[in-house]
Amino acid sequence: MKKNLAIALLLSVSAFMNAQNSQENTNSKPISASKISFGVKGGYSLSSMKFFDDPLDSKSYFYAGVVAEQPITSKFSVQAEALYTQIGGKQHFPVVNFTGSGIVEDGSIEFDYQLTQIQIPVSAKYYFIPNLSASVGMNFGINMSEKIKTDQIVNGSTSHNYENVKTLNLFPFLGAEYKITESIFVDARYNFNFIQVNKGDFTTKIGFLQAGVGYRFK
């Protein structure tokens, strides 16, 4: 089911970009303003997770994937990406032992909440100058794996399924990009935690920063 959803979203984005490219080719715009571009990108991700209003420790990971951009005018364009990443958070609970002299704390257990995702960010971009743009859009996060990992054995294992998580998570975002050369660019975006990632009443939200570098093929 999850793989089928990811494939369907990718095909929809591809069809949309191809349709835009075909439409632009029939217009009288310069080639430089209508040619679709493809590239690769990767970077650092820092996510913040909270249960209700209680924040967990932040989680660092990487992201990597492909990007396609279709100019609409010299100032506006549409961009779609497909990224592999992991988001979540970490939580620590004390380990206690009961002794004859009372309760003694003996270290802690780390719970690492891991949502491994294929993300499909789709955005509208505005170019202030030819090398600098701002973007706004929606990131469609498809969960491929939902796990809770611990650094000690809990209930016979260090890995457990993370239950009641939505297959598809939505993250509105704002971002910016700067082109260092015609091919190399750096970008950053923040994905907001406006929409909960779980099913039911146990409100769980995740927001995350992504910052990295990319290369567009000529």
C-alpha atoms as a PDB file:
ATOM      1  CA  MET A   1       0.000   0.000   0.000  1.00  0.00           C
ATOM      2  CA  LYS A   2       2.774   2.437   0.984  1.00  0.00           C
ATOM      3  CA  LYS A   3       4.839   1.641  -2.108  1.00  0.00           C
ATOM      4  CA  ASN A   4       1.786   2.045  -4.350  1.00  0.00           C
ATOM      5  CA  LEU A   5       1.025   5.447  -2.794  1.00  0.00           C
ATOM      6  CA  ALA A   6       4.609   6.606  -3.307  1.00  0.00           C
ATOM      7  CA  ILE A   7       4.591   5.458  -6.938  1.00  0.00           C
ATOM      8  CA  ALA A   8       1.230   7.148  -7.584  1.00  0.00           C
ATOM      9  CA  LEU A   9       2.459  10.469  -6.208  1.00  0.00           C
ATOM     10  CA  LEU A  10       5.683  10.281  -8.212  1.00  0.00           C
ATOM     11  CA  LEU A  11       3.781   9.510 -11.422  1.00  0.00           C
ATOM     12  CA  SER A  12       1.353  12.383 -10.776  1.00  0.00           C
ATOM     13  CA  VAL A  13       4.207  14.847 -10.268  1.00  0.00           C
ATOM     14  CA  SER A  14       5.992  13.537 -13.376  1.00  0.00           C
ATOM     15  CA  ALA A  15       2.844  13.858 -15.490  1.00  0.00           C
ATOM     16  CA  PHE A  16       2.266  17.406 -14.235  1.00  0.00           C
ATOM     17  CA  MET A  17       5.833  18.470 -15.042  1.00  0.00           C
ATOM     18  CA  ASN A  18       5.658  16.902 -18.503  1.00  0.00           C
ATOM     19  CA  ALA A  19       2.370  18.663 -19.204  1.00  0.00           C
ATOM     20  CA  GLN A  20       3.859  21.981 -18.161  1.00  0.00           C
ATOM     21  CA  ASN A  21       6.874  21.382 -20.383  1.00  0.00           C
ATOM     22  CA  SER A  22       4.675  20.526 -23.389  1.00  0.00           C
ATOM     23  CA  GLN A  23       2.568  23.624 -22.866  1.00  0.00           C
ATOM     24  CA  GLU A  24       5.625  25.864 -22.603  1.00  0.00           C
ATOM     25  CA  ASN A  25       7.118  24.425 -25.782  1.00  0.00           C
ATOM     26  CA  THR A  26       4.064  25.561 -27.733  1.00  0.00           C
ATOM     27  CA  ASN A  27       4.452  29.163 -26.570  1.00  0.00           C
ATOM     28  CA  SER A  28       6.745  31.819 -27.997  1.00  0.00           C
ATOM     29  CA  LYS A  29       8.832  32.192 -24.820  1.00  0.00           C
ATOM     30  CA  PRO A  30      12.636  31.942 -25.014  1.00  0.00           C
ATOM     31  CA  ILE A  31      14.024  28.442 -24.512  1.00  0.00           C
ATOM     32  CA  SER A  32      15.912  29.581 -21.390  1.00  0.00           C
ATOM     33  CA  ALA A  33      12.615  30.558 -19.749  1.00  0.00           C
ATOM     34  CA  SER A  34      10.695  27.373 -20.555  1.00  0.00           C
ATOM     35  CA  LYS A  35      13.109  24.454 -20.383  1.00  0.00           C
ATOM     36  CA  ILE A  36      12.583  21.999 -17.536  1.00  0.00           C
ATOM     37  CA  SER A  37      15.686  21.194 -15.495  1.00  0.00           C
ATOM     38  CA  PHE A  38      16.600  18.111 -13.481  1.00  0.00           C
ATOM     39  CA  GLY A  39      19.114  17.606 -10.725  1.00  0.00           C
ATOM     40  CA  VAL A  40      20.149  15.902  -7.511  1.00  0.00           C
ATOM     41  CA  LYS A  41      20.337  17.264  -3.984  1.00  0.00           C
ATOM     42  CA  GLY A  42      21.188  16.247  -0.446  1.00  0.00           C
ATOM     43  CA  GLY A  43      21.866  17.686   2.964  1.00  0.00           C
ATOM     44  CA  TYR A  44      21.184  17.836   6.678  1.00  0.00           C
ATOM     45  CA  SER A  45      17.827  17.474   8.419  1.00  0.00           C
ATOM     46  CA  LEU A  46      17.017  18.503  12.001  1.00  0.00           C
ATOM     47  CA  SER A  47      13.555  17.520  13.247  1.00  0.00           C
ATOM     48  CA  SER A  48      11.644  18.513  16.362  1.00  0.00           C
ATOM     49  CA  MET A  49       8.896  16.238  17.655  1.00  0.00           C
ATOM     50  CA  LYS A  50       6.343  16.865  20.377  1.00  0.00           C
ATOM     51  CA  PHE A  51       3.595  14.944  22.158  1.00  0.00           C
ATOM     52  CA  PHE A  52       0.801  17.411  22.815  1.00  0.00           C
ATOM     53  CA  ASP A  53       2.826  20.482  23.937  1.00  0.00           C
ATOM     54  CA  ASP A  54       5.789  18.540  25.367  1.00  0.00           C
ATOM     55  CA  PRO A  55       8.845  18.741  23.084  1.00  0.00           C
ATOM     56  CA  LEU A  56      11.214  15.796  22.688  1.00  0.00           C
ATOM     57  CA  ASP A  57      14.938  16.014  22.026  1.00  0.00           C
ATOM     58  CA  SER A  58      15.710  16.917  18.411  1.00  0.00           C
ATOM     59  CA  LYS A  59      16.819  14.335  15.846  1.00  0.00           C
ATOM     60  CA  SER A  60      19.496  14.760  13.176  1.00  0.00           C
ATOM     61  CA  TYR A  61      19.550  12.857   9.899  1.00  0.00           C
ATOM     62  CA  PHE A  62      20.319  13.354   6.206  1.00  0.00           C
ATOM     63  CA  TYR A  63      18.194  13.655   3.093  1.00  0.00           C
ATOM     64  CA  ALA A  64      18.994  12.853  -0.543  1.00  0.00           C
ATOM     65  CA  GLY A  65      17.049  12.722  -3.785  1.00  0.00           C
ATOM     66  CA  VAL A  66      16.183  14.268  -7.126  1.00  0.00           C
ATOM     67  CA  VAL A  67      14.651  17.597  -8.158  1.00  0.00           C
ATOM     68  CA  ALA A  68      12.854  18.940 -11.247  1.00  0.00           C
ATOM     69  CA  GLU A  69      12.021  22.590 -11.942  1.00  0.00           C
ATOM     70  CA  GLN A  70       9.699  23.991 -14.612  1.00  0.00           C
ATOM     71  CA  PRO A  71       9.915  27.767 -15.237  1.00  0.00           C
ATOM     72  CA  ILE A  72       6.574  29.476 -15.877  1.00  0.00           C
ATOM     73  CA  THR A  73       7.937  32.993 -16.430  1.00  0.00           C
ATOM     74  CA  SER A  74      11.299  34.633 -15.787  1.00  0.00           C
ATOM     75  CA  LYS A  75      10.186  35.212 -12.168  1.00  0.00           C
ATOM     76  CA  PHE A  76       8.020  32.188 -11.334  1.00  0.00           C
ATOM     77  CA  SER A  77       8.583  28.436 -11.515  1.00  0.00           C
ATOM     78  CA  VAL A  78       7.182  25.157 -10.156  1.00  0.00           C
ATOM     79  CA  GLN A  79       9.467  22.630  -8.491  1.00  0.00           C
ATOM     80  CA  ALA A  80       8.947  19.000  -7.463  1.00  0.00           C
ATOM     81  CA  GLU A  81      11.307  16.679  -5.616  1.00  0.00           C
ATOM     82  CA  ALA A  82      11.559  13.099  -4.373  1.00  0.00           C
ATOM     83  CA  LEU A  83      13.664  12.713  -1.227  1.00  0.00           C
ATOM     84  CA  TYR A  84      14.661   9.904   1.125  1.00  0.00           C
ATOM     85  CA  THR A  85      14.988  10.911   4.783  1.00  0.00           C
ATOM     86  CA  GLN A  86      14.071  10.122   8.360  1.00  0.00           C
ATOM     87  CA  ILE A  87      12.321  12.385  10.877  1.00  0.00           C
ATOM     88  CA  GLY A  88      11.329  11.985  14.502  1.00  0.00           C
ATOM     89  CA  GLY A  89      12.633  12.721  17.967  1.00  0.00           C
ATOM     90  CA  LYS A  90      14.283  11.251  21.043  1.00  0.00           C
ATOM     91  CA  GLN A  91      13.098  10.804  24.599  1.00  0.00           C
ATOM     92  CA  HIS A  92      14.868   9.606  27.760  1.00  0.00           C
ATOM     93  CA  PHE A  93      13.352   7.821  30.737  1.00  0.00           C
ATOM     94  CA  PRO A  94      15.191   7.049  33.989  1.00  0.00           C
ATOM     95  CA  VAL A  95      15.978   3.463  34.986  1.00  0.00           C
ATOM     96  CA  VAL A  96      15.287   2.849  38.671  1.00  0.00           C
ATOM     97  CA  ASN A  97      16.137  -0.033  40.983  1.00  0.00           C
ATOM     98  CA  PHE A  98      14.398  -0.825  44.249  1.00  0.00           C
ATOM     99  CA  THR A  99      16.886  -1.552  47.034  1.00  0.00           C
ATOM    100  CA  GLY A 100      16.700  -1.941  50.769  1.00  0.00           C
ATOM    101  CA  SER A 101      17.611   1.712  51.169  1.00  0.00           C
ATOM    102  CA  GLY A 102      14.975   2.931  48.720  1.00  0.00           C
ATOM    103  CA  ILE A 103      14.707   3.760  45.043  1.00  0.00           C
ATOM    104  CA  VAL A 104      18.025   4.243  43.231  1.00  0.00           C
ATOM    105  CA  GLU A 105      18.286   5.747  39.757  1.00  0.00           C
ATOM    106  CA  ASP A 106      20.560   3.733  37.485  1.00  0.00           C
ATOM    107  CA  GLY A 107      21.027   5.603  34.216  1.00  0.00           C
ATOM    108  CA  SER A 108      18.367   6.114  31.549  1.00  0.00           C
ATOM    109  CA  ILE A 109      16.841   4.519  28.445  1.00  0.00           C
ATOM    110  CA  GLU A 110      16.745   6.406  25.156  1.00  0.00           C
ATOM    111  CA  PHE A 111      13.656   6.035  22.959  1.00  0.00           C
ATOM    112  CA  ASP A 112      14.375   7.008  19.343  1.00  0.00           C
ATOM    113  CA  TYR A 113      11.201   7.624  17.299  1.00  0.00           C
ATOM    114  CA  GLN A 114      11.985   7.007  13.624  1.00  0.00           C
ATOM    115  CA  LEU A 115       9.717   7.772  10.673  1.00  0.00           C
ATOM    116  CA  THR A 116      11.585   6.763   7.529  1.00  0.00           C
ATOM    117  CA  GLN A 117       9.968   8.569   4.609  1.00  0.00           C
ATOM    118  CA  ILE A 118       9.913   9.192   0.897  1.00  0.00           C
ATOM    119  CA  GLN A 119       9.064  12.891   0.726  1.00  0.00           C
ATOM    120  CA  ILE A 120       7.544  14.632  -2.301  1.00  0.00           C
ATOM    121  CA  PRO A 121       7.902  18.409  -1.804  1.00  0.00           C
ATOM    122  CA  VAL A 122       6.005  20.469  -4.404  1.00  0.00           C
ATOM    123  CA  SER A 123       6.558  24.234  -4.395  1.00  0.00           C
ATOM    124  CA  ALA A 124       6.004  27.512  -6.190  1.00  0.00           C
ATOM    125  CA  LYS A 125       9.171  29.606  -6.502  1.00  0.00           C
ATOM    126  CA  TYR A 126       9.643  33.342  -6.963  1.00  0.00           C
ATOM    127  CA  TYR A 127      12.981  34.741  -8.171  1.00  0.00           C
ATOM    128  CA  PHE A 128      13.907  38.101  -6.624  1.00  0.00           C
ATOM    129  CA  ILE A 129      17.026  38.118  -8.791  1.00  0.00           C
ATOM    130  CA  PRO A 130      18.214  35.426 -11.246  1.00  0.00           C
ATOM    131  CA  ASN A 131      20.238  33.628  -8.535  1.00  0.00           C
ATOM    132  CA  LEU A 132      18.013  34.053  -5.468  1.00  0.00           C
ATOM    133  CA  SER A 133      14.502  32.623  -4.981  1.00  0.00           C
ATOM    134  CA  ALA A 134      11.954  31.990  -2.255  1.00  0.00           C
ATOM    135  CA  SER A 135       9.530  29.063  -2.236  1.00  0.00           C
ATOM    136  CA  VAL A 136       6.290  28.011  -0.599  1.00  0.00           C
ATOM    137  CA  GLY A 137       4.694  24.613  -0.870  1.00  0.00           C
ATOM    138  CA  MET A 138       3.577  21.324   0.612  1.00  0.00           C
ATOM    139  CA  ASN A 139       5.770  18.367   1.507  1.00  0.00           C
ATOM    140  CA  PHE A 140       4.008  14.993   1.142  1.00  0.00           C
ATOM    141  CA  GLY A 141       5.765  12.561   3.498  1.00  0.00           C
ATOM    142  CA  ILE A 142       5.043   8.888   2.829  1.00  0.00           C
ATOM    143  CA  ASN A 143       6.036   6.669   5.735  1.00  0.00           C
ATOM    144  CA  MET A 144       7.914   3.588   4.587  1.00  0.00           C
ATOM    145  CA  SER A 145       8.820   2.490   8.124  1.00  0.00           C
ATOM    146  CA  GLU A 146       7.682   3.555  11.618  1.00  0.00           C
ATOM    147  CA  LYS A 147       9.921   2.348  14.442  1.00  0.00           C
ATOM    148  CA  ILE A 148      10.823   3.059  18.054  1.00  0.00           C
ATOM    149  CA  LYS A 149      14.435   2.073  18.793  1.00  0.00           C
ATOM    150  CA  THR A 150      15.881   1.839  22.310  1.00  0.00           C
ATOM    151  CA  ASP A 151      19.481   1.639  23.496  1.00  0.00           C
ATOM    152  CA  GLN A 152      18.527  -1.094  25.973  1.00  0.00           C
ATOM    153  CA  ILE A 153      16.261  -4.126  25.729  1.00  0.00           C
ATOM    154  CA  VAL A 154      12.616  -3.240  26.426  1.00  0.00           C
ATOM    155  CA  ASN A 155       9.977  -6.004  26.353  1.00  0.00           C
ATOM    156  CA  GLY A 156      12.505  -8.406  24.850  1.00  0.00           C
ATOM    157  CA  SER A 157      13.735  -6.203  21.986  1.00  0.00           C
ATOM    158  CA  THR A 158      15.454  -2.925  21.097  1.00  0.00           C
ATOM    159  CA  SER A 159      13.162  -2.282  18.114  1.00  0.00           C
ATOM    160  CA  HIS A 160       9.386  -1.906  18.181  1.00  0.00           C
ATOM    161  CA  ASN A 161       6.732  -0.865  15.676  1.00  0.00           C
ATOM    162  CA  TYR A 162       5.477   2.687  16.148  1.00  0.00           C
ATOM    163  CA  GLU A 163       1.713   2.287  16.035  1.00  0.00           C
ATOM    164  CA  ASN A 164      -1.087   4.661  14.974  1.00  0.00           C
ATOM    165  CA  VAL A 165       0.975   6.791  12.585  1.00  0.00           C
ATOM    166  CA  LYS A 166      -0.580   8.075   9.372  1.00  0.00           C
ATOM    167  CA  THR A 167       0.842   6.629   6.152  1.00  0.00           C
ATOM    168  CA  LEU A 168       0.780  10.077   4.527  1.00  0.00           C
ATOM    169  CA  ASN A 169       1.966  13.143   6.453  1.00  0.00           C
ATOM    170  CA  LEU A 170       1.589  16.732   5.229  1.00  0.00           C
ATOM    171  CA  PHE A 171       4.108  19.483   5.992  1.00  0.00           C
ATOM    172  CA  PRO A 172       3.584  23.048   4.673  1.00  0.00           C
ATOM    173  CA  PHE A 173       6.946  24.739   4.146  1.00  0.00           C
ATOM    174  CA  LEU A 174       8.798  27.940   3.320  1.00  0.00           C
ATOM    175  CA  GLY A 175      12.247  27.974   1.788  1.00  0.00           C
ATOM    176  CA  ALA A 176      14.952  29.812  -0.094  1.00  0.00           C
ATOM    177  CA  GLU A 177      17.541  28.893  -2.713  1.00  0.00           C
ATOM    178  CA  TYR A 178      20.724  30.536  -3.974  1.00  0.00           C
ATOM    179  CA  LYS A 179      22.445  29.525  -7.212  1.00  0.00           C
ATOM    180  CA  ILE A 180      26.216  29.597  -6.809  1.00  0.00           C
ATOM    181  CA  THR A 181      26.704  28.728 -10.491  1.00  0.00           C
ATOM    182  CA  GLU A 182      24.362  27.651 -13.293  1.00  0.00           C
ATOM    183  CA  SER A 183      24.580  24.090 -11.952  1.00  0.00           C
ATOM    184  CA  ILE A 184      25.398  24.283  -8.232  1.00  0.00           C
ATOM    185  CA  PHE A 185      22.929  25.632  -5.669  1.00  0.00           C
ATOM    186  CA  VAL A 186      22.344  25.725  -1.932  1.00  0.00           C
ATOM    187  CA  ASP A 187      18.918  25.757  -0.319  1.00  0.00           C
ATOM    188  CA  ALA A 188      17.113  25.604   2.996  1.00  0.00           C
ATOM    189  CA  ARG A 189      13.513  25.175   4.052  1.00  0.00           C
ATOM    190  CA  TYR A 190      11.481  24.758   7.196  1.00  0.00           C
ATOM    191  CA  ASN A 191       8.638  22.245   7.245  1.00  0.00           C
ATOM    192  CA  PHE A 192       5.998  23.318   9.765  1.00  0.00           C
ATOM    193  CA  ASN A 193       4.280  21.062  12.304  1.00  0.00           C
ATOM    194  CA  PHE A 194       0.760  22.379  11.686  1.00  0.00           C
ATOM    195  CA  ILE A 195      -0.715  18.917  10.975  1.00  0.00           C
ATOM    196  CA  GLN A 196      -0.404  15.965  13.344  1.00  0.00           C
ATOM    197  CA  VAL A 197       1.301  12.805  12.093  1.00  0.00           C
ATOM    198  CA  ASN A 198      -0.662  10.307  14.187  1.00  0.00           C
ATOM    199  CA  LYS A 199      -4.129   8.815  14.152  1.00  0.00           C
ATOM    200  CA  GLY A 200      -6.428   9.287  17.145  1.00  0.00           C
ATOM    201  CA  ASP A 201      -6.302  11.694  20.070  1.00  0.00           C
ATOM    202  CA  PHE A 202      -2.632  11.387  21.112  1.00  0.00           C
ATOM    203  CA  THR A 203      -1.522  14.574  19.369  1.00  0.00           C
ATOM    204  CA  THR A 204       1.918  14.139  17.817  1.00  0.00           C
ATOM    205  CA  LYS A 205       3.517  16.752  15.591  1.00  0.00           C
ATOM    206  CA  ILE A 206       6.876  17.050  13.841  1.00  0.00           C
ATOM    207  CA  GLY A 207       8.550  20.075  12.280  1.00  0.00           C
ATOM    208  CA  PHE A 208      11.945  19.972  10.629  1.00  0.00           C
ATOM    209  CA  LEU A 209      14.649  22.047   9.001  1.00  0.00           C
ATOM    210  CA  GLN A 210      16.359  20.892   5.811  1.00  0.00           C
ATOM    211  CA  ALA A 211      19.508  22.559   4.482  1.00  0.00           C
ATOM    212  CA  GLY A 212      21.814  21.299   1.768  1.00  0.00           C
ATOM    213  CA  VAL A 213      23.399  21.553  -1.651  1.00  0.00           C
ATOM    214  CA  GLY A 214      22.363  20.397  -5.100  1.00  0.00           C
ATOM    215  CA  TYR A 215      23.471  20.053  -8.694  1.00  0.00           C
ATOM    216  CA  ARG A 216      21.331  20.728 -11.767  1.00  0.00           C
ATOM    217  CA  PHE A 217      22.223  19.014 -15.016  1.00  0.00           C
ATOM    218  CA  LYS A 218      22.542  21.260 -18.059  1.00  0.00           C
END
